[in-house]
């Protein structure tokens, strides 16, 4: 069989496989989080948020979800070696102002430890 026929059969089979795969995964909430930053952000966004010091800011869970969409984790300042609740230092923007948040990521909840509005 010539190479062109083989390539044609391969492409037809591959495209049929892609169609089946898209049908199977269509209704599921699947995501591909390969980088460590994406995995931590995805984990934090699935949990309920609580804030110990309510007087510093009026954030709620929905506000944190919006904040997390474009936030990044600073692993150099984070404490990921703890066994129980790991502490992450997150940088991002809130209302077009840079903000840093230190959070404690436990099994079922995320607690905000420190909110820091940075100056540009």
C-alpha atoms as a PDB file:
ATOM      1  CA  UNK A   1       0.000   0.000   0.000  1.00  0.00           C
ATOM      2  CA  UNK A   2       1.305   3.388  -0.870  1.00  0.00           C
ATOM      3  CA  UNK A   3       2.234   5.922   1.775  1.00  0.00           C
ATOM      4  CA  UNK A   4      -0.518   8.317   0.685  1.00  0.00           C
ATOM      5  CA  UNK A   5      -3.225   5.677   1.288  1.00  0.00           C
ATOM      6  CA  UNK A   6      -1.785   4.835   4.682  1.00  0.00           C
ATOM      7  CA  UNK A   7      -1.761   8.496   5.656  1.00  0.00           C
ATOM      8  CA  UNK A   8      -5.367   8.865   4.468  1.00  0.00           C
ATOM      9  CA  UNK A   9      -6.568   5.862   6.491  1.00  0.00           C
ATOM     10  CA  UNK A  10      -4.701   7.113   9.535  1.00  0.00           C
ATOM     11  CA  UNK A  11      -6.265  10.592   9.295  1.00  0.00           C
ATOM     12  CA  UNK A  12      -9.771   9.162   8.846  1.00  0.00           C
ATOM     13  CA  UNK A  13      -9.393   6.892  11.870  1.00  0.00           C
ATOM     14  CA  UNK A  14      -7.850   9.667  13.927  1.00  0.00           C
ATOM     15  CA  UNK A  15     -10.678  12.093  13.098  1.00  0.00           C
ATOM     16  CA  UNK A  16     -13.339   9.481  13.965  1.00  0.00           C
ATOM     17  CA  UNK A  17     -11.569   8.909  17.305  1.00  0.00           C
ATOM     18  CA  UNK A  18     -11.558  12.650  18.006  1.00  0.00           C
ATOM     19  CA  UNK A  19     -15.285  12.846  17.292  1.00  0.00           C
ATOM     20  CA  UNK A  20     -16.014   9.963  19.700  1.00  0.00           C
ATOM     21  CA  UNK A  21     -13.792  11.524  22.339  1.00  0.00           C
ATOM     22  CA  UNK A  22     -15.527  14.904  22.045  1.00  0.00           C
ATOM     23  CA  UNK A  23     -18.940  13.230  22.360  1.00  0.00           C
ATOM     24  CA  UNK A  24     -17.876  11.325  25.483  1.00  0.00           C
ATOM     25  CA  UNK A  25     -16.261  14.332  27.200  1.00  0.00           C
ATOM     26  CA  UNK A  26     -18.872  16.887  26.109  1.00  0.00           C
ATOM     27  CA  UNK A  27     -20.961  17.016  29.297  1.00  0.00           C
ATOM     28  CA  UNK A  28     -18.192  16.401  31.805  1.00  0.00           C
ATOM     29  CA  UNK A  29     -16.302  19.129  33.622  1.00  0.00           C
ATOM     30  CA  UNK A  30     -12.832  18.039  32.586  1.00  0.00           C
ATOM     31  CA  UNK A  31      -9.721  20.165  32.675  1.00  0.00           C
ATOM     32  CA  UNK A  32      -6.066  19.635  31.935  1.00  0.00           C
ATOM     33  CA  UNK A  33      -4.045  21.315  34.668  1.00  0.00           C
ATOM     34  CA  UNK A  34      -0.447  20.422  33.951  1.00  0.00           C
ATOM     35  CA  UNK A  35       1.519  23.174  35.675  1.00  0.00           C
ATOM     36  CA  UNK A  36       1.827  23.318  39.477  1.00  0.00           C
ATOM     37  CA  UNK A  37       0.288  26.803  39.484  1.00  0.00           C
ATOM     38  CA  UNK A  38      -2.821  25.590  37.620  1.00  0.00           C
ATOM     39  CA  UNK A  39      -3.226  22.568  39.901  1.00  0.00           C
ATOM     40  CA  UNK A  40      -3.086  24.708  43.061  1.00  0.00           C
ATOM     41  CA  UNK A  41      -5.501  27.316  41.651  1.00  0.00           C
ATOM     42  CA  UNK A  42      -7.912  24.570  40.564  1.00  0.00           C
ATOM     43  CA  UNK A  43      -7.745  22.963  44.006  1.00  0.00           C
ATOM     44  CA  UNK A  44      -8.353  26.296  45.751  1.00  0.00           C
ATOM     45  CA  UNK A  45     -11.295  27.189  43.523  1.00  0.00           C
ATOM     46  CA  UNK A  46     -13.166  23.964  44.391  1.00  0.00           C
ATOM     47  CA  UNK A  47     -13.185  24.614  48.144  1.00  0.00           C
ATOM     48  CA  UNK A  48     -15.183  26.929  50.367  1.00  0.00           C
ATOM     49  CA  UNK A  49     -13.409  30.110  51.457  1.00  0.00           C
ATOM     50  CA  UNK A  50     -13.417  31.677  54.870  1.00  0.00           C
ATOM     51  CA  UNK A  51     -11.722  34.765  56.237  1.00  0.00           C
ATOM     52  CA  UNK A  52     -10.769  35.068  59.894  1.00  0.00           C
ATOM     53  CA  UNK A  53     -10.299  38.831  59.925  1.00  0.00           C
ATOM     54  CA  UNK A  54     -13.558  40.129  58.431  1.00  0.00           C
ATOM     55  CA  UNK A  55     -12.734  43.798  59.067  1.00  0.00           C
ATOM     56  CA  UNK A  56      -9.890  44.024  56.534  1.00  0.00           C
ATOM     57  CA  UNK A  57     -11.969  43.446  53.427  1.00  0.00           C
ATOM     58  CA  UNK A  58     -15.384  42.534  52.137  1.00  0.00           C
ATOM     59  CA  UNK A  59     -14.434  39.512  50.028  1.00  0.00           C
ATOM     60  CA  UNK A  60     -16.679  36.493  49.651  1.00  0.00           C
ATOM     61  CA  UNK A  61     -16.313  33.133  47.896  1.00  0.00           C
ATOM     62  CA  UNK A  62     -17.505  34.470  44.549  1.00  0.00           C
ATOM     63  CA  UNK A  63     -15.039  37.334  44.707  1.00  0.00           C
ATOM     64  CA  UNK A  64     -12.216  34.892  45.340  1.00  0.00           C
ATOM     65  CA  UNK A  65     -13.255  32.792  42.336  1.00  0.00           C
ATOM     66  CA  UNK A  66     -12.958  35.876  40.126  1.00  0.00           C
ATOM     67  CA  UNK A  67      -9.607  36.743  41.720  1.00  0.00           C
ATOM     68  CA  UNK A  68      -8.237  33.234  41.161  1.00  0.00           C
ATOM     69  CA  UNK A  69      -8.893  33.224  37.408  1.00  0.00           C
ATOM     70  CA  UNK A  70      -5.831  35.394  36.757  1.00  0.00           C
ATOM     71  CA  UNK A  71      -3.848  34.821  39.942  1.00  0.00           C
ATOM     72  CA  UNK A  72      -0.484  33.115  40.234  1.00  0.00           C
ATOM     73  CA  UNK A  73       1.091  31.232  43.126  1.00  0.00           C
ATOM     74  CA  UNK A  74       4.508  32.310  44.403  1.00  0.00           C
ATOM     75  CA  UNK A  75       6.013  28.971  45.425  1.00  0.00           C
ATOM     76  CA  UNK A  76       9.172  30.650  46.742  1.00  0.00           C
ATOM     77  CA  UNK A  77       7.191  32.332  49.532  1.00  0.00           C
ATOM     78  CA  UNK A  78       4.725  29.455  50.021  1.00  0.00           C
ATOM     79  CA  UNK A  79       5.089  26.687  52.600  1.00  0.00           C
ATOM     80  CA  UNK A  80       4.181  23.501  50.756  1.00  0.00           C
ATOM     81  CA  UNK A  81       6.107  21.123  53.021  1.00  0.00           C
ATOM     82  CA  UNK A  82       3.469  21.045  55.773  1.00  0.00           C
ATOM     83  CA  UNK A  83       1.470  17.842  56.240  1.00  0.00           C
ATOM     84  CA  UNK A  84      -1.900  19.220  57.296  1.00  0.00           C
ATOM     85  CA  UNK A  85      -2.711  22.629  55.802  1.00  0.00           C
ATOM     86  CA  UNK A  86      -0.321  24.071  53.245  1.00  0.00           C
ATOM     87  CA  UNK A  87       0.201  27.834  53.071  1.00  0.00           C
ATOM     88  CA  UNK A  88       0.249  29.512  49.651  1.00  0.00           C
ATOM     89  CA  UNK A  89       1.219  33.065  48.700  1.00  0.00           C
ATOM     90  CA  UNK A  90      -0.956  34.216  45.773  1.00  0.00           C
ATOM     91  CA  UNK A  91      -0.411  37.312  43.620  1.00  0.00           C
ATOM     92  CA  UNK A  92      -3.104  38.816  41.447  1.00  0.00           C
ATOM     93  CA  UNK A  93      -5.276  41.820  40.719  1.00  0.00           C
ATOM     94  CA  UNK A  94      -8.473  42.969  42.379  1.00  0.00           C
ATOM     95  CA  UNK A  95     -10.285  45.976  40.858  1.00  0.00           C
ATOM     96  CA  UNK A  96      -7.180  46.708  38.753  1.00  0.00           C
ATOM     97  CA  UNK A  97      -5.004  46.969  41.865  1.00  0.00           C
ATOM     98  CA  UNK A  98      -2.251  44.466  42.642  1.00  0.00           C
ATOM     99  CA  UNK A  99      -2.984  42.330  45.678  1.00  0.00           C
ATOM    100  CA  UNK A 100      -1.196  39.527  47.524  1.00  0.00           C
ATOM    101  CA  UNK A 101      -3.100  36.974  49.551  1.00  0.00           C
ATOM    102  CA  UNK A 102      -1.694  34.376  51.910  1.00  0.00           C
ATOM    103  CA  UNK A 103      -4.051  31.417  52.240  1.00  0.00           C
ATOM    104  CA  UNK A 104      -4.047  28.207  54.222  1.00  0.00           C
ATOM    105  CA  UNK A 105      -5.251  25.310  52.072  1.00  0.00           C
ATOM    106  CA  UNK A 106      -6.807  22.627  54.272  1.00  0.00           C
ATOM    107  CA  UNK A 107      -8.664  19.492  53.198  1.00  0.00           C
ATOM    108  CA  UNK A 108     -12.127  21.050  52.817  1.00  0.00           C
ATOM    109  CA  UNK A 109     -11.669  24.803  53.325  1.00  0.00           C
ATOM    110  CA  UNK A 110      -9.345  27.618  52.379  1.00  0.00           C
ATOM    111  CA  UNK A 111      -8.711  30.265  55.020  1.00  0.00           C
ATOM    112  CA  UNK A 112      -7.388  33.709  54.144  1.00  0.00           C
ATOM    113  CA  UNK A 113      -4.573  34.552  56.526  1.00  0.00           C
ATOM    114  CA  UNK A 114      -3.331  37.869  55.131  1.00  0.00           C
ATOM    115  CA  UNK A 115      -4.512  40.369  52.525  1.00  0.00           C
ATOM    116  CA  UNK A 116      -1.872  42.781  51.298  1.00  0.00           C
ATOM    117  CA  UNK A 117      -2.631  45.563  48.834  1.00  0.00           C
ATOM    118  CA  UNK A 118       0.621  46.282  47.037  1.00  0.00           C
ATOM    119  CA  UNK A 119       1.483  49.666  45.549  1.00  0.00           C
ATOM    120  CA  UNK A 120       2.586  49.856  41.927  1.00  0.00           C
END
